[in-house]
């Protein structure tokens, strides 16, 4: 599957044409509770990742939250 992730073209052969956003998150090894996803300019709610289909050519922005700061 051909995707553009954070502006970088990627071919991910491990994802089938029936892949969902949840499958991509799992494949990338990201923690569900620390990620926000935008698909083709639309934010995808975490509750719909298991149903949100990926299509070859999709443009995804993935933001991964990290902890830290001053104590």
Protein backbone atom coordinates (compact mmCIF):
# COMPACT_ATOMS: atom_id res chain seq x y z
CA UNK A 1 0.00 0.00 0.00
CA UNK A 2 1.31 3.45 -0.93
CA UNK A 3 0.80 6.07 1.79
CA UNK A 4 2.18 9.51 2.51
CA UNK A 5 2.95 9.70 6.24
CA UNK A 6 3.99 13.07 7.65
CA UNK A 7 4.93 14.20 4.15
CA UNK A 8 7.06 11.14 3.36
CA UNK A 9 5.96 8.62 0.70
CA UNK A 10 5.97 5.09 2.10
CA UNK A 11 5.18 1.73 0.58
CA UNK A 12 3.99 -0.70 3.22
CA UNK A 13 3.58 -4.11 1.64
CA UNK A 14 2.55 -5.67 4.96
CA UNK A 15 -0.80 -3.84 4.87
CA UNK A 16 -3.55 -5.32 2.72
CA UNK A 17 -6.09 -3.34 0.72
CA UNK A 18 -8.56 -3.97 3.58
CA UNK A 19 -6.27 -2.35 6.19
CA UNK A 20 -7.67 0.03 8.78
CA UNK A 21 -5.96 2.89 10.62
CA UNK A 22 -5.72 0.64 13.69
CA UNK A 23 -3.68 -1.82 11.61
CA UNK A 24 -1.27 0.94 10.59
CA UNK A 25 -0.83 2.12 14.18
CA UNK A 26 -0.09 -1.44 15.25
CA UNK A 27 2.33 -1.98 12.34
CA UNK A 28 4.20 1.23 13.25
CA UNK A 29 4.41 0.12 16.89
CA UNK A 30 2.74 3.25 18.24
CA UNK A 31 0.75 3.43 21.48
CA UNK A 32 -2.93 4.15 20.78
CA UNK A 33 -3.30 6.56 23.68
CA UNK A 34 -0.41 8.78 22.57
CA UNK A 35 -1.24 9.33 18.91
CA UNK A 36 -3.49 11.63 16.90
CA UNK A 37 -4.25 10.91 13.24
CA UNK A 38 -5.31 13.10 10.35
CA UNK A 39 -6.32 11.32 7.14
CA UNK A 40 -6.55 13.38 3.97
CA UNK A 41 -7.06 16.59 5.95
CA UNK A 42 -9.66 15.20 8.38
CA UNK A 43 -8.99 14.24 11.98
CA UNK A 44 -9.93 10.62 12.65
CA UNK A 45 -11.27 9.99 16.14
CA UNK A 46 -9.56 7.23 18.07
CA UNK A 47 -12.89 5.44 18.51
CA UNK A 48 -13.20 4.96 14.73
CA UNK A 49 -9.68 3.72 13.96
CA UNK A 50 -10.83 0.08 13.79
CA UNK A 51 -13.39 0.98 11.11
CA UNK A 52 -11.52 3.73 9.21
CA UNK A 53 -10.23 2.21 5.97
CA UNK A 54 -6.91 3.08 4.42
CA UNK A 55 -6.67 3.58 0.67
CA UNK A 56 -3.49 3.57 -1.37
CA UNK A 57 -2.48 7.21 -1.83
CA UNK A 58 -3.91 8.42 1.50
CA UNK A 59 -2.09 11.31 3.13
CA UNK A 60 -1.72 10.83 6.87
CA UNK A 61 -0.35 13.10 9.53
CA UNK A 62 0.54 11.23 12.69
CA UNK A 63 1.33 13.17 15.84
CA UNK A 64 2.91 11.21 18.67
CA UNK A 65 2.64 12.82 22.10
CA UNK A 66 5.56 12.55 24.50
CA UNK A 67 5.73 13.43 28.16
CA UNK A 68 8.17 15.74 29.75
CA UNK A 69 8.56 19.28 30.87
CA UNK A 70 9.66 21.07 33.96
CA UNK A 71 9.20 19.61 37.40
